[in-house]
């Protein structure tokens, strides 16, 4: 699967947000 750059950046951003929320939670 060749992700478009915007989707790869979105996946990375979602992972960053997941880690941050996990620590806050």
PDBML (XML) file of the C-alpha atoms, coordinates in Angstrom:
<?xml version="1.0" encoding="UTF-8" ?>
<PDBx:datablock datablockName="MODEL"
   xmlns:PDBx="http://pdbml.pdb.org/schema/pdbx-v50.xsd"
   xmlns:xsi="http://www.w3.org/2001/XMLSchema-instance"
   xsi:schemaLocation="http://pdbml.pdb.org/schema/pdbx-v50.xsd pdbx-v50.xsd">
   <PDBx:atom_siteCategory>
      <PDBx:atom_site id="1">
         <PDBx:B_iso_or_equiv>0.00</PDBx:B_iso_or_equiv>
         <PDBx:Cartn_x>0.000</PDBx:Cartn_x>
         <PDBx:Cartn_y>0.000</PDBx:Cartn_y>
         <PDBx:Cartn_z>0.000</PDBx:Cartn_z>
         <PDBx:auth_asym_id>A</PDBx:auth_asym_id>
         <PDBx:auth_atom_id>CA</PDBx:auth_atom_id>
         <PDBx:auth_comp_id>UNK</PDBx:auth_comp_id>
         <PDBx:auth_seq_id>1</PDBx:auth_seq_id>
         <PDBx:group_PDB>ATOM</PDBx:group_PDB>
         <PDBx:label_alt_id xsi:nil="true" />
         <PDBx:label_asym_id>A</PDBx:label_asym_id>
         <PDBx:label_atom_id>CA</PDBx:label_atom_id>
         <PDBx:label_comp_id>UNK</PDBx:label_comp_id>
         <PDBx:label_entity_id>1</PDBx:label_entity_id>
         <PDBx:label_seq_id>1</PDBx:label_seq_id>
         <PDBx:occupancy>1.00</PDBx:occupancy>
         <PDBx:pdbx_PDB_model_num>1</PDBx:pdbx_PDB_model_num>
         <PDBx:type_symbol>C</PDBx:type_symbol>
      </PDBx:atom_site>
      <PDBx:atom_site id="2">
         <PDBx:B_iso_or_equiv>0.00</PDBx:B_iso_or_equiv>
         <PDBx:Cartn_x>1.586</PDBx:Cartn_x>
         <PDBx:Cartn_y>3.255</PDBx:Cartn_y>
         <PDBx:Cartn_z>-1.151</PDBx:Cartn_z>
         <PDBx:auth_asym_id>A</PDBx:auth_asym_id>
         <PDBx:auth_atom_id>CA</PDBx:auth_atom_id>
         <PDBx:auth_comp_id>UNK</PDBx:auth_comp_id>
         <PDBx:auth_seq_id>2</PDBx:auth_seq_id>
         <PDBx:group_PDB>ATOM</PDBx:group_PDB>
         <PDBx:label_alt_id xsi:nil="true" />
         <PDBx:label_asym_id>A</PDBx:label_asym_id>
         <PDBx:label_atom_id>CA</PDBx:label_atom_id>
         <PDBx:label_comp_id>UNK</PDBx:label_comp_id>
         <PDBx:label_entity_id>1</PDBx:label_entity_id>
         <PDBx:label_seq_id>2</PDBx:label_seq_id>
         <PDBx:occupancy>1.00</PDBx:occupancy>
         <PDBx:pdbx_PDB_model_num>1</PDBx:pdbx_PDB_model_num>
         <PDBx:type_symbol>C</PDBx:type_symbol>
      </PDBx:atom_site>
      <PDBx:atom_site id="3">
         <PDBx:B_iso_or_equiv>0.00</PDBx:B_iso_or_equiv>
         <PDBx:Cartn_x>0.217</PDBx:Cartn_x>
         <PDBx:Cartn_y>5.814</PDBx:Cartn_y>
         <PDBx:Cartn_z>1.293</PDBx:Cartn_z>
         <PDBx:auth_asym_id>A</PDBx:auth_asym_id>
         <PDBx:auth_atom_id>CA</PDBx:auth_atom_id>
         <PDBx:auth_comp_id>UNK</PDBx:auth_comp_id>
         <PDBx:auth_seq_id>3</PDBx:auth_seq_id>
         <PDBx:group_PDB>ATOM</PDBx:group_PDB>
         <PDBx:label_alt_id xsi:nil="true" />
         <PDBx:label_asym_id>A</PDBx:label_asym_id>
         <PDBx:label_atom_id>CA</PDBx:label_atom_id>
         <PDBx:label_comp_id>UNK</PDBx:label_comp_id>
         <PDBx:label_entity_id>1</PDBx:label_entity_id>
         <PDBx:label_seq_id>3</PDBx:label_seq_id>
         <PDBx:occupancy>1.00</PDBx:occupancy>
         <PDBx:pdbx_PDB_model_num>1</PDBx:pdbx_PDB_model_num>
         <PDBx:type_symbol>C</PDBx:type_symbol>
      </PDBx:atom_site>
      <PDBx:atom_site id="4">
         <PDBx:B_iso_or_equiv>0.00</PDBx:B_iso_or_equiv>
         <PDBx:Cartn_x>-0.010</PDBx:Cartn_x>
         <PDBx:Cartn_y>9.391</PDBx:Cartn_y>
         <PDBx:Cartn_z>0.101</PDBx:Cartn_z>
         <PDBx:auth_asym_id>A</PDBx:auth_asym_id>
         <PDBx:auth_atom_id>CA</PDBx:auth_atom_id>
         <PDBx:auth_comp_id>UNK</PDBx:auth_comp_id>
         <PDBx:auth_seq_id>4</PDBx:auth_seq_id>
         <PDBx:group_PDB>ATOM</PDBx:group_PDB>
         <PDBx:label_alt_id xsi:nil="true" />
         <PDBx:label_asym_id>A</PDBx:label_asym_id>
         <PDBx:label_atom_id>CA</PDBx:label_atom_id>
         <PDBx:label_comp_id>UNK</PDBx:label_comp_id>
         <PDBx:label_entity_id>1</PDBx:label_entity_id>
         <PDBx:label_seq_id>4</PDBx:label_seq_id>
         <PDBx:occupancy>1.00</PDBx:occupancy>
         <PDBx:pdbx_PDB_model_num>1</PDBx:pdbx_PDB_model_num>
         <PDBx:type_symbol>C</PDBx:type_symbol>
      </PDBx:atom_site>
      <PDBx:atom_site id="5">
         <PDBx:B_iso_or_equiv>0.00</PDBx:B_iso_or_equiv>
         <PDBx:Cartn_x>2.255</PDBx:Cartn_x>
         <PDBx:Cartn_y>11.684</PDBx:Cartn_y>
         <PDBx:Cartn_z>2.177</PDBx:Cartn_z>
         <PDBx:auth_asym_id>A</PDBx:auth_asym_id>
         <PDBx:auth_atom_id>CA</PDBx:auth_atom_id>
         <PDBx:auth_comp_id>UNK</PDBx:auth_comp_id>
         <PDBx:auth_seq_id>5</PDBx:auth_seq_id>
         <PDBx:group_PDB>ATOM</PDBx:group_PDB>
         <PDBx:label_alt_id xsi:nil="true" />
         <PDBx:label_asym_id>A</PDBx:label_asym_id>
         <PDBx:label_atom_id>CA</PDBx:label_atom_id>
         <PDBx:label_comp_id>UNK</PDBx:label_comp_id>
         <PDBx:label_entity_id>1</PDBx:label_entity_id>
         <PDBx:label_seq_id>5</PDBx:label_seq_id>
         <PDBx:occupancy>1.00</PDBx:occupancy>
         <PDBx:pdbx_PDB_model_num>1</PDBx:pdbx_PDB_model_num>
         <PDBx:type_symbol>C</PDBx:type_symbol>
      </PDBx:atom_site>
      <PDBx:atom_site id="6">
         <PDBx:B_iso_or_equiv>0.00</PDBx:B_iso_or_equiv>
         <PDBx:Cartn_x>-0.683</PDBx:Cartn_x>
         <PDBx:Cartn_y>13.364</PDBx:Cartn_y>
         <PDBx:Cartn_z>3.929</PDBx:Cartn_z>
         <PDBx:auth_asym_id>A</PDBx:auth_asym_id>
         <PDBx:auth_atom_id>CA</PDBx:auth_atom_id>
         <PDBx:auth_comp_id>UNK</PDBx:auth_comp_id>
         <PDBx:auth_seq_id>6</PDBx:auth_seq_id>
         <PDBx:group_PDB>ATOM</PDBx:group_PDB>
         <PDBx:label_alt_id xsi:nil="true" />
         <PDBx:label_asym_id>A</PDBx:label_asym_id>
         <PDBx:label_atom_id>CA</PDBx:label_atom_id>
         <PDBx:label_comp_id>UNK</PDBx:label_comp_id>
         <PDBx:label_entity_id>1</PDBx:label_entity_id>
         <PDBx:label_seq_id>6</PDBx:label_seq_id>
         <PDBx:occupancy>1.00</PDBx:occupancy>
         <PDBx:pdbx_PDB_model_num>1</PDBx:pdbx_PDB_model_num>
         <PDBx:type_symbol>C</PDBx:type_symbol>
      </PDBx:atom_site>
      <PDBx:atom_site id="7">
         <PDBx:B_iso_or_equiv>0.00</PDBx:B_iso_or_equiv>
         <PDBx:Cartn_x>-1.992</PDBx:Cartn_x>
         <PDBx:Cartn_y>9.995</PDBx:Cartn_y>
         <PDBx:Cartn_z>5.134</PDBx:Cartn_z>
         <PDBx:auth_asym_id>A</PDBx:auth_asym_id>
         <PDBx:auth_atom_id>CA</PDBx:auth_atom_id>
         <PDBx:auth_comp_id>UNK</PDBx:auth_comp_id>
         <PDBx:auth_seq_id>7</PDBx:auth_seq_id>
         <PDBx:group_PDB>ATOM</PDBx:group_PDB>
         <PDBx:label_alt_id xsi:nil="true" />
         <PDBx:label_asym_id>A</PDBx:label_asym_id>
         <PDBx:label_atom_id>CA</PDBx:label_atom_id>
         <PDBx:label_comp_id>UNK</PDBx:label_comp_id>
         <PDBx:label_entity_id>1</PDBx:label_entity_id>
         <PDBx:label_seq_id>7</PDBx:label_seq_id>
         <PDBx:occupancy>1.00</PDBx:occupancy>
         <PDBx:pdbx_PDB_model_num>1</PDBx:pdbx_PDB_model_num>
         <PDBx:type_symbol>C</PDBx:type_symbol>
      </PDBx:atom_site>
      <PDBx:atom_site id="8">
         <PDBx:B_iso_or_equiv>0.00</PDBx:B_iso_or_equiv>
         <PDBx:Cartn_x>1.414</PDBx:Cartn_x>
         <PDBx:Cartn_y>8.870</PDBx:Cartn_y>
         <PDBx:Cartn_z>6.421</PDBx:Cartn_z>
         <PDBx:auth_asym_id>A</PDBx:auth_asym_id>
         <PDBx:auth_atom_id>CA</PDBx:auth_atom_id>
         <PDBx:auth_comp_id>UNK</PDBx:auth_comp_id>
         <PDBx:auth_seq_id>8</PDBx:auth_seq_id>
         <PDBx:group_PDB>ATOM</PDBx:group_PDB>
         <PDBx:label_alt_id xsi:nil="true" />
         <PDBx:label_asym_id>A</PDBx:label_asym_id>
         <PDBx:label_atom_id>CA</PDBx:label_atom_id>
         <PDBx:label_comp_id>UNK</PDBx:label_comp_id>
         <PDBx:label_entity_id>1</PDBx:label_entity_id>
         <PDBx:label_seq_id>8</PDBx:label_seq_id>
         <PDBx:occupancy>1.00</PDBx:occupancy>
         <PDBx:pdbx_PDB_model_num>1</PDBx:pdbx_PDB_model_num>
         <PDBx:type_symbol>C</PDBx:type_symbol>
      </PDBx:atom_site>
      <PDBx:atom_site id="9">
         <PDBx:B_iso_or_equiv>0.00</PDBx:B_iso_or_equiv>
         <PDBx:Cartn_x>1.745</PDBx:Cartn_x>
         <PDBx:Cartn_y>12.171</PDBx:Cartn_y>
         <PDBx:Cartn_z>8.319</PDBx:Cartn_z>
         <PDBx:auth_asym_id>A</PDBx:auth_asym_id>
         <PDBx:auth_atom_id>CA</PDBx:auth_atom_id>
         <PDBx:auth_comp_id>UNK</PDBx:auth_comp_id>
         <PDBx:auth_seq_id>9</PDBx:auth_seq_id>
         <PDBx:group_PDB>ATOM</PDBx:group_PDB>
         <PDBx:label_alt_id xsi:nil="true" />
         <PDBx:label_asym_id>A</PDBx:label_asym_id>
         <PDBx:label_atom_id>CA</PDBx:label_atom_id>
         <PDBx:label_comp_id>UNK</PDBx:label_comp_id>
         <PDBx:label_entity_id>1</PDBx:label_entity_id>
         <PDBx:label_seq_id>9</PDBx:label_seq_id>
         <PDBx:occupancy>1.00</PDBx:occupancy>
         <PDBx:pdbx_PDB_model_num>1</PDBx:pdbx_PDB_model_num>
         <PDBx:type_symbol>C</PDBx:type_symbol>
      </PDBx:atom_site>
      <PDBx:atom_site id="10">
         <PDBx:B_iso_or_equiv>0.00</PDBx:B_iso_or_equiv>
         <PDBx:Cartn_x>-1.791</PDBx:Cartn_x>
         <PDBx:Cartn_y>11.736</PDBx:Cartn_y>
         <PDBx:Cartn_z>9.692</PDBx:Cartn_z>
         <PDBx:auth_asym_id>A</PDBx:auth_asym_id>
         <PDBx:auth_atom_id>CA</PDBx:auth_atom_id>
         <PDBx:auth_comp_id>UNK</PDBx:auth_comp_id>
         <PDBx:auth_seq_id>10</PDBx:auth_seq_id>
         <PDBx:group_PDB>ATOM</PDBx:group_PDB>
         <PDBx:label_alt_id xsi:nil="true" />
         <PDBx:label_asym_id>A</PDBx:label_asym_id>
         <PDBx:label_atom_id>CA</PDBx:label_atom_id>
         <PDBx:label_comp_id>UNK</PDBx:label_comp_id>
         <PDBx:label_entity_id>1</PDBx:label_entity_id>
         <PDBx:label_seq_id>10</PDBx:label_seq_id>
         <PDBx:occupancy>1.00</PDBx:occupancy>
         <PDBx:pdbx_PDB_model_num>1</PDBx:pdbx_PDB_model_num>
         <PDBx:type_symbol>C</PDBx:type_symbol>
      </PDBx:atom_site>
      <PDBx:atom_site id="11">
         <PDBx:B_iso_or_equiv>0.00</PDBx:B_iso_or_equiv>
         <PDBx:Cartn_x>-1.034</PDBx:Cartn_x>
         <PDBx:Cartn_y>8.201</PDBx:Cartn_y>
         <PDBx:Cartn_z>10.924</PDBx:Cartn_z>
         <PDBx:auth_asym_id>A</PDBx:auth_asym_id>
         <PDBx:auth_atom_id>CA</PDBx:auth_atom_id>
         <PDBx:auth_comp_id>UNK</PDBx:auth_comp_id>
         <PDBx:auth_seq_id>11</PDBx:auth_seq_id>
         <PDBx:group_PDB>ATOM</PDBx:group_PDB>
         <PDBx:label_alt_id xsi:nil="true" />
         <PDBx:label_asym_id>A</PDBx:label_asym_id>
         <PDBx:label_atom_id>CA</PDBx:label_atom_id>
         <PDBx:label_comp_id>UNK</PDBx:label_comp_id>
         <PDBx:label_entity_id>1</PDBx:label_entity_id>
         <PDBx:label_seq_id>11</PDBx:label_seq_id>
         <PDBx:occupancy>1.00</PDBx:occupancy>
         <PDBx:pdbx_PDB_model_num>1</PDBx:pdbx_PDB_model_num>
         <PDBx:type_symbol>C</PDBx:type_symbol>
      </PDBx:atom_site>
      <PDBx:atom_site id="12">
         <PDBx:B_iso_or_equiv>0.00</PDBx:B_iso_or_equiv>
         <PDBx:Cartn_x>2.126</PDBx:Cartn_x>
         <PDBx:Cartn_y>9.435</PDBx:Cartn_y>
         <PDBx:Cartn_z>12.649</PDBx:Cartn_z>
         <PDBx:auth_asym_id>A</PDBx:auth_asym_id>
         <PDBx:auth_atom_id>CA</PDBx:auth_atom_id>
         <PDBx:auth_comp_id>UNK</PDBx:auth_comp_id>
         <PDBx:auth_seq_id>12</PDBx:auth_seq_id>
         <PDBx:group_PDB>ATOM</PDBx:group_PDB>
         <PDBx:label_alt_id xsi:nil="true" />
         <PDBx:label_asym_id>A</PDBx:label_asym_id>
         <PDBx:label_atom_id>CA</PDBx:label_atom_id>
         <PDBx:label_comp_id>UNK</PDBx:label_comp_id>
         <PDBx:label_entity_id>1</PDBx:label_entity_id>
         <PDBx:label_seq_id>12</PDBx:label_seq_id>
         <PDBx:occupancy>1.00</PDBx:occupancy>
         <PDBx:pdbx_PDB_model_num>1</PDBx:pdbx_PDB_model_num>
         <PDBx:type_symbol>C</PDBx:type_symbol>
      </PDBx:atom_site>
      <PDBx:atom_site id="13">
         <PDBx:B_iso_or_equiv>0.00</PDBx:B_iso_or_equiv>
         <PDBx:Cartn_x>0.206</PDBx:Cartn_x>
         <PDBx:Cartn_y>12.374</PDBx:Cartn_y>
         <PDBx:Cartn_z>14.221</PDBx:Cartn_z>
         <PDBx:auth_asym_id>A</PDBx:auth_asym_id>
         <PDBx:auth_atom_id>CA</PDBx:auth_atom_id>
         <PDBx:auth_comp_id>UNK</PDBx:auth_comp_id>
         <PDBx:auth_seq_id>13</PDBx:auth_seq_id>
         <PDBx:group_PDB>ATOM</PDBx:group_PDB>
         <PDBx:label_alt_id xsi:nil="true" />
         <PDBx:label_asym_id>A</PDBx:label_asym_id>
         <PDBx:label_atom_id>CA</PDBx:label_atom_id>
         <PDBx:label_comp_id>UNK</PDBx:label_comp_id>
         <PDBx:label_entity_id>1</PDBx:label_entity_id>
         <PDBx:label_seq_id>13</PDBx:label_seq_id>
         <PDBx:occupancy>1.00</PDBx:occupancy>
         <PDBx:pdbx_PDB_model_num>1</PDBx:pdbx_PDB_model_num>
         <PDBx:type_symbol>C</PDBx:type_symbol>
      </PDBx:atom_site>
      <PDBx:atom_site id="14">
         <PDBx:B_iso_or_equiv>0.00</PDBx:B_iso_or_equiv>
         <PDBx:Cartn_x>-2.540</PDBx:Cartn_x>
         <PDBx:Cartn_y>10.055</PDBx:Cartn_y>
         <PDBx:Cartn_z>15.446</PDBx:Cartn_z>
         <PDBx:auth_asym_id>A</PDBx:auth_asym_id>
         <PDBx:auth_atom_id>CA</PDBx:auth_atom_id>
         <PDBx:auth_comp_id>UNK</PDBx:auth_comp_id>
         <PDBx:auth_seq_id>14</PDBx:auth_seq_id>
         <PDBx:group_PDB>ATOM</PDBx:group_PDB>
         <PDBx:label_alt_id xsi:nil="true" />
         <PDBx:label_asym_id>A</PDBx:label_asym_id>
         <PDBx:label_atom_id>CA</PDBx:label_atom_id>
         <PDBx:label_comp_id>UNK</PDBx:label_comp_id>
         <PDBx:label_entity_id>1</PDBx:label_entity_id>
         <PDBx:label_seq_id>14</PDBx:label_seq_id>
         <PDBx:occupancy>1.00</PDBx:occupancy>
         <PDBx:pdbx_PDB_model_num>1</PDBx:pdbx_PDB_model_num>
         <PDBx:type_symbol>C</PDBx:type_symbol>
      </PDBx:atom_site>
      <PDBx:atom_site id="15">
         <PDBx:B_iso_or_equiv>0.00</PDBx:B_iso_or_equiv>
         <PDBx:Cartn_x>0.066</PDBx:Cartn_x>
         <PDBx:Cartn_y>7.812</PDBx:Cartn_y>
         <PDBx:Cartn_z>17.071</PDBx:Cartn_z>
         <PDBx:auth_asym_id>A</PDBx:auth_asym_id>
         <PDBx:auth_atom_id>CA</PDBx:auth_atom_id>
         <PDBx:auth_comp_id>UNK</PDBx:auth_comp_id>
         <PDBx:auth_seq_id>15</PDBx:auth_seq_id>
         <PDBx:group_PDB>ATOM</PDBx:group_PDB>
         <PDBx:label_alt_id xsi:nil="true" />
         <PDBx:label_asym_id>A</PDBx:label_asym_id>
         <PDBx:label_atom_id>CA</PDBx:label_atom_id>
         <PDBx:label_comp_id>UNK</PDBx:label_comp_id>
         <PDBx:label_entity_id>1</PDBx:label_entity_id>
         <PDBx:label_seq_id>15</PDBx:label_seq_id>
         <PDBx:occupancy>1.00</PDBx:occupancy>
         <PDBx:pdbx_PDB_model_num>1</PDBx:pdbx_PDB_model_num>
         <PDBx:type_symbol>C</PDBx:type_symbol>
      </PDBx:atom_site>
      <PDBx:atom_site id="16">
         <PDBx:B_iso_or_equiv>0.00</PDBx:B_iso_or_equiv>
         <PDBx:Cartn_x>1.676</PDBx:Cartn_x>
         <PDBx:Cartn_y>10.839</PDBx:Cartn_y>
         <PDBx:Cartn_z>18.773</PDBx:Cartn_z>
         <PDBx:auth_asym_id>A</PDBx:auth_asym_id>
         <PDBx:auth_atom_id>CA</PDBx:auth_atom_id>
         <PDBx:auth_comp_id>UNK</PDBx:auth_comp_id>
         <PDBx:auth_seq_id>16</PDBx:auth_seq_id>
         <PDBx:group_PDB>ATOM</PDBx:group_PDB>
         <PDBx:label_alt_id xsi:nil="true" />
         <PDBx:label_asym_id>A</PDBx:label_asym_id>
         <PDBx:label_atom_id>CA</PDBx:label_atom_id>
         <PDBx:label_comp_id>UNK</PDBx:label_comp_id>
         <PDBx:label_entity_id>1</PDBx:label_entity_id>
         <PDBx:label_seq_id>16</PDBx:label_seq_id>
         <PDBx:occupancy>1.00</PDBx:occupancy>
         <PDBx:pdbx_PDB_model_num>1</PDBx:pdbx_PDB_model_num>
         <PDBx:type_symbol>C</PDBx:type_symbol>
      </PDBx:atom_site>
      <PDBx:atom_site id="17">
         <PDBx:B_iso_or_equiv>0.00</PDBx:B_iso_or_equiv>
         <PDBx:Cartn_x>-1.773</PDBx:Cartn_x>
         <PDBx:Cartn_y>11.916</PDBx:Cartn_y>
         <PDBx:Cartn_z>20.032</PDBx:Cartn_z>
         <PDBx:auth_asym_id>A</PDBx:auth_asym_id>
         <PDBx:auth_atom_id>CA</PDBx:auth_atom_id>
         <PDBx:auth_comp_id>UNK</PDBx:auth_comp_id>
         <PDBx:auth_seq_id>17</PDBx:auth_seq_id>
         <PDBx:group_PDB>ATOM</PDBx:group_PDB>
         <PDBx:label_alt_id xsi:nil="true" />
         <PDBx:label_asym_id>A</PDBx:label_asym_id>
         <PDBx:label_atom_id>CA</PDBx:label_atom_id>
         <PDBx:label_comp_id>UNK</PDBx:label_comp_id>
         <PDBx:label_entity_id>1</PDBx:label_entity_id>
         <PDBx:label_seq_id>17</PDBx:label_seq_id>
         <PDBx:occupancy>1.00</PDBx:occupancy>
         <PDBx:pdbx_PDB_model_num>1</PDBx:pdbx_PDB_model_num>
         <PDBx:type_symbol>C</PDBx:type_symbol>
      </PDBx:atom_site>
      <PDBx:atom_site id="18">
         <PDBx:B_iso_or_equiv>0.00</PDBx:B_iso_or_equiv>
         <PDBx:Cartn_x>-2.495</PDBx:Cartn_x>
         <PDBx:Cartn_y>8.366</PDBx:Cartn_y>
         <PDBx:Cartn_z>21.253</PDBx:Cartn_z>
         <PDBx:auth_asym_id>A</PDBx:auth_asym_id>
         <PDBx:auth_atom_id>CA</PDBx:auth_atom_id>
         <PDBx:auth_comp_id>UNK</PDBx:auth_comp_id>
         <PDBx:auth_seq_id>18</PDBx:auth_seq_id>
         <PDBx:group_PDB>ATOM</PDBx:group_PDB>
         <PDBx:label_alt_id xsi:nil="true" />
         <PDBx:label_asym_id>A</PDBx:label_asym_id>
         <PDBx:label_atom_id>CA</PDBx:label_atom_id>
         <PDBx:label_comp_id>UNK</PDBx:label_comp_id>
         <PDBx:label_entity_id>1</PDBx:label_entity_id>
         <PDBx:label_seq_id>18</PDBx:label_seq_id>
         <PDBx:occupancy>1.00</PDBx:occupancy>
         <PDBx:pdbx_PDB_model_num>1</PDBx:pdbx_PDB_model_num>
         <PDBx:type_symbol>C</PDBx:type_symbol>
      </PDBx:atom_site>
      <PDBx:atom_site id="19">
         <PDBx:B_iso_or_equiv>0.00</PDBx:B_iso_or_equiv>
         <PDBx:Cartn_x>0.707</PDBx:Cartn_x>
         <PDBx:Cartn_y>8.275</PDBx:Cartn_y>
         <PDBx:Cartn_z>23.315</PDBx:Cartn_z>
         <PDBx:auth_asym_id>A</PDBx:auth_asym_id>
         <PDBx:auth_atom_id>CA</PDBx:auth_atom_id>
         <PDBx:auth_comp_id>UNK</PDBx:auth_comp_id>
         <PDBx:auth_seq_id>19</PDBx:auth_seq_id>
         <PDBx:group_PDB>ATOM</PDBx:group_PDB>
         <PDBx:label_alt_id xsi:nil="true" />
         <PDBx:label_asym_id>A</PDBx:label_asym_id>
         <PDBx:label_atom_id>CA</PDBx:label_atom_id>
         <PDBx:label_comp_id>UNK</PDBx:label_comp_id>
         <PDBx:label_entity_id>1</PDBx:label_entity_id>
         <PDBx:label_seq_id>19</PDBx:label_seq_id>
         <PDBx:occupancy>1.00</PDBx:occupancy>
         <PDBx:pdbx_PDB_model_num>1</PDBx:pdbx_PDB_model_num>
         <PDBx:type_symbol>C</PDBx:type_symbol>
      </PDBx:atom_site>
      <PDBx:atom_site id="20">
         <PDBx:B_iso_or_equiv>0.00</PDBx:B_iso_or_equiv>
         <PDBx:Cartn_x>0.046</PDBx:Cartn_x>
         <PDBx:Cartn_y>11.750</PDBx:Cartn_y>
         <PDBx:Cartn_z>24.773</PDBx:Cartn_z>
         <PDBx:auth_asym_id>A</PDBx:auth_asym_id>
         <PDBx:auth_atom_id>CA</PDBx:auth_atom_id>
         <PDBx:auth_comp_id>UNK</PDBx:auth_comp_id>
         <PDBx:auth_seq_id>20</PDBx:auth_seq_id>
         <PDBx:group_PDB>ATOM</PDBx:group_PDB>
         <PDBx:label_alt_id xsi:nil="true" />
         <PDBx:label_asym_id>A</PDBx:label_asym_id>
         <PDBx:label_atom_id>CA</PDBx:label_atom_id>
         <PDBx:label_comp_id>UNK</PDBx:label_comp_id>
         <PDBx:label_entity_id>1</PDBx:label_entity_id>
         <PDBx:label_seq_id>20</PDBx:label_seq_id>
         <PDBx:occupancy>1.00</PDBx:occupancy>
         <PDBx:pdbx_PDB_model_num>1</PDBx:pdbx_PDB_model_num>
         <PDBx:type_symbol>C</PDBx:type_symbol>
      </PDBx:atom_site>
      <PDBx:atom_site id="21">
         <PDBx:B_iso_or_equiv>0.00</PDBx:B_iso_or_equiv>
         <PDBx:Cartn_x>-3.563</PDBx:Cartn_x>
         <PDBx:Cartn_y>10.934</PDBx:Cartn_y>
         <PDBx:Cartn_z>25.678</PDBx:Cartn_z>
         <PDBx:auth_asym_id>A</PDBx:auth_asym_id>
         <PDBx:auth_atom_id>CA</PDBx:auth_atom_id>
         <PDBx:auth_comp_id>UNK</PDBx:auth_comp_id>
         <PDBx:auth_seq_id>21</PDBx:auth_seq_id>
         <PDBx:group_PDB>ATOM</PDBx:group_PDB>
         <PDBx:label_alt_id xsi:nil="true" />
         <PDBx:label_asym_id>A</PDBx:label_asym_id>
         <PDBx:label_atom_id>CA</PDBx:label_atom_id>
         <PDBx:label_comp_id>UNK</PDBx:label_comp_id>
         <PDBx:label_entity_id>1</PDBx:label_entity_id>
         <PDBx:label_seq_id>21</PDBx:label_seq_id>
         <PDBx:occupancy>1.00</PDBx:occupancy>
         <PDBx:pdbx_PDB_model_num>1</PDBx:pdbx_PDB_model_num>
         <PDBx:type_symbol>C</PDBx:type_symbol>
      </PDBx:atom_site>
      <PDBx:atom_site id="22">
         <PDBx:B_iso_or_equiv>0.00</PDBx:B_iso_or_equiv>
         <PDBx:Cartn_x>-2.509</PDBx:Cartn_x>
         <PDBx:Cartn_y>7.612</PDBx:Cartn_y>
         <PDBx:Cartn_z>27.194</PDBx:Cartn_z>
         <PDBx:auth_asym_id>A</PDBx:auth_asym_id>
         <PDBx:auth_atom_id>CA</PDBx:auth_atom_id>
         <PDBx:auth_comp_id>UNK</PDBx:auth_comp_id>
         <PDBx:auth_seq_id>22</PDBx:auth_seq_id>
         <PDBx:group_PDB>ATOM</PDBx:group_PDB>
         <PDBx:label_alt_id xsi:nil="true" />
         <PDBx:label_asym_id>A</PDBx:label_asym_id>
         <PDBx:label_atom_id>CA</PDBx:label_atom_id>
         <PDBx:label_comp_id>UNK</PDBx:label_comp_id>
         <PDBx:label_entity_id>1</PDBx:label_entity_id>
         <PDBx:label_seq_id>22</PDBx:label_seq_id>
         <PDBx:occupancy>1.00</PDBx:occupancy>
         <PDBx:pdbx_PDB_model_num>1</PDBx:pdbx_PDB_model_num>
         <PDBx:type_symbol>C</PDBx:type_symbol>
      </PDBx:atom_site>
      <PDBx:atom_site id="23">
         <PDBx:B_iso_or_equiv>0.00</PDBx:B_iso_or_equiv>
         <PDBx:Cartn_x>-0.133</PDBx:Cartn_x>
         <PDBx:Cartn_y>9.403</PDBx:Cartn_y>
         <PDBx:Cartn_z>29.538</PDBx:Cartn_z>
         <PDBx:auth_asym_id>A</PDBx:auth_asym_id>
         <PDBx:auth_atom_id>CA</PDBx:auth_atom_id>
         <PDBx:auth_comp_id>UNK</PDBx:auth_comp_id>
         <PDBx:auth_seq_id>23</PDBx:auth_seq_id>
         <PDBx:group_PDB>ATOM</PDBx:group_PDB>
         <PDBx:label_alt_id xsi:nil="true" />
         <PDBx:label_asym_id>A</PDBx:label_asym_id>
         <PDBx:label_atom_id>CA</PDBx:label_atom_id>
         <PDBx:label_comp_id>UNK</PDBx:label_comp_id>
         <PDBx:label_entity_id>1</PDBx:label_entity_id>
         <PDBx:label_seq_id>23</PDBx:label_seq_id>
         <PDBx:occupancy>1.00</PDBx:occupancy>
         <PDBx:pdbx_PDB_model_num>1</PDBx:pdbx_PDB_model_num>
         <PDBx:type_symbol>C</PDBx:type_symbol>
      </PDBx:atom_site>
      <PDBx:atom_site id="24">
         <PDBx:B_iso_or_equiv>0.00</PDBx:B_iso_or_equiv>
         <PDBx:Cartn_x>-2.708</PDBx:Cartn_x>
         <PDBx:Cartn_y>12.048</PDBx:Cartn_y>
         <PDBx:Cartn_z>30.483</PDBx:Cartn_z>
         <PDBx:auth_asym_id>A</PDBx:auth_asym_id>
         <PDBx:auth_atom_id>CA</PDBx:auth_atom_id>
         <PDBx:auth_comp_id>UNK</PDBx:auth_comp_id>
         <PDBx:auth_seq_id>24</PDBx:auth_seq_id>
         <PDBx:group_PDB>ATOM</PDBx:group_PDB>
         <PDBx:label_alt_id xsi:nil="true" />
         <PDBx:label_asym_id>A</PDBx:label_asym_id>
         <PDBx:label_atom_id>CA</PDBx:label_atom_id>
         <PDBx:label_comp_id>UNK</PDBx:label_comp_id>
         <PDBx:label_entity_id>1</PDBx:label_entity_id>
         <PDBx:label_seq_id>24</PDBx:label_seq_id>
         <PDBx:occupancy>1.00</PDBx:occupancy>
         <PDBx:pdbx_PDB_model_num>1</PDBx:pdbx_PDB_model_num>
         <PDBx:type_symbol>C</PDBx:type_symbol>
      </PDBx:atom_site>
      <PDBx:atom_site id="25">
         <PDBx:B_iso_or_equiv>0.00</PDBx:B_iso_or_equiv>
         <PDBx:Cartn_x>-5.389</PDBx:Cartn_x>
         <PDBx:Cartn_y>9.397</PDBx:Cartn_y>
         <PDBx:Cartn_z>30.964</PDBx:Cartn_z>
         <PDBx:auth_asym_id>A</PDBx:auth_asym_id>
         <PDBx:auth_atom_id>CA</PDBx:auth_atom_id>
         <PDBx:auth_comp_id>UNK</PDBx:auth_comp_id>
         <PDBx:auth_seq_id>25</PDBx:auth_seq_id>
         <PDBx:group_PDB>ATOM</PDBx:group_PDB>
         <PDBx:label_alt_id xsi:nil="true" />
         <PDBx:label_asym_id>A</PDBx:label_asym_id>
         <PDBx:label_atom_id>CA</PDBx:label_atom_id>
         <PDBx:label_comp_id>UNK</PDBx:label_comp_id>
         <PDBx:label_entity_id>1</PDBx:label_entity_id>
         <PDBx:label_seq_id>25</PDBx:label_seq_id>
         <PDBx:occupancy>1.00</PDBx:occupancy>
         <PDBx:pdbx_PDB_model_num>1</PDBx:pdbx_PDB_model_num>
         <PDBx:type_symbol>C</PDBx:type_symbol>
      </PDBx:atom_site>
   </PDBx:atom_siteCategory>
</PDBx:datablock>
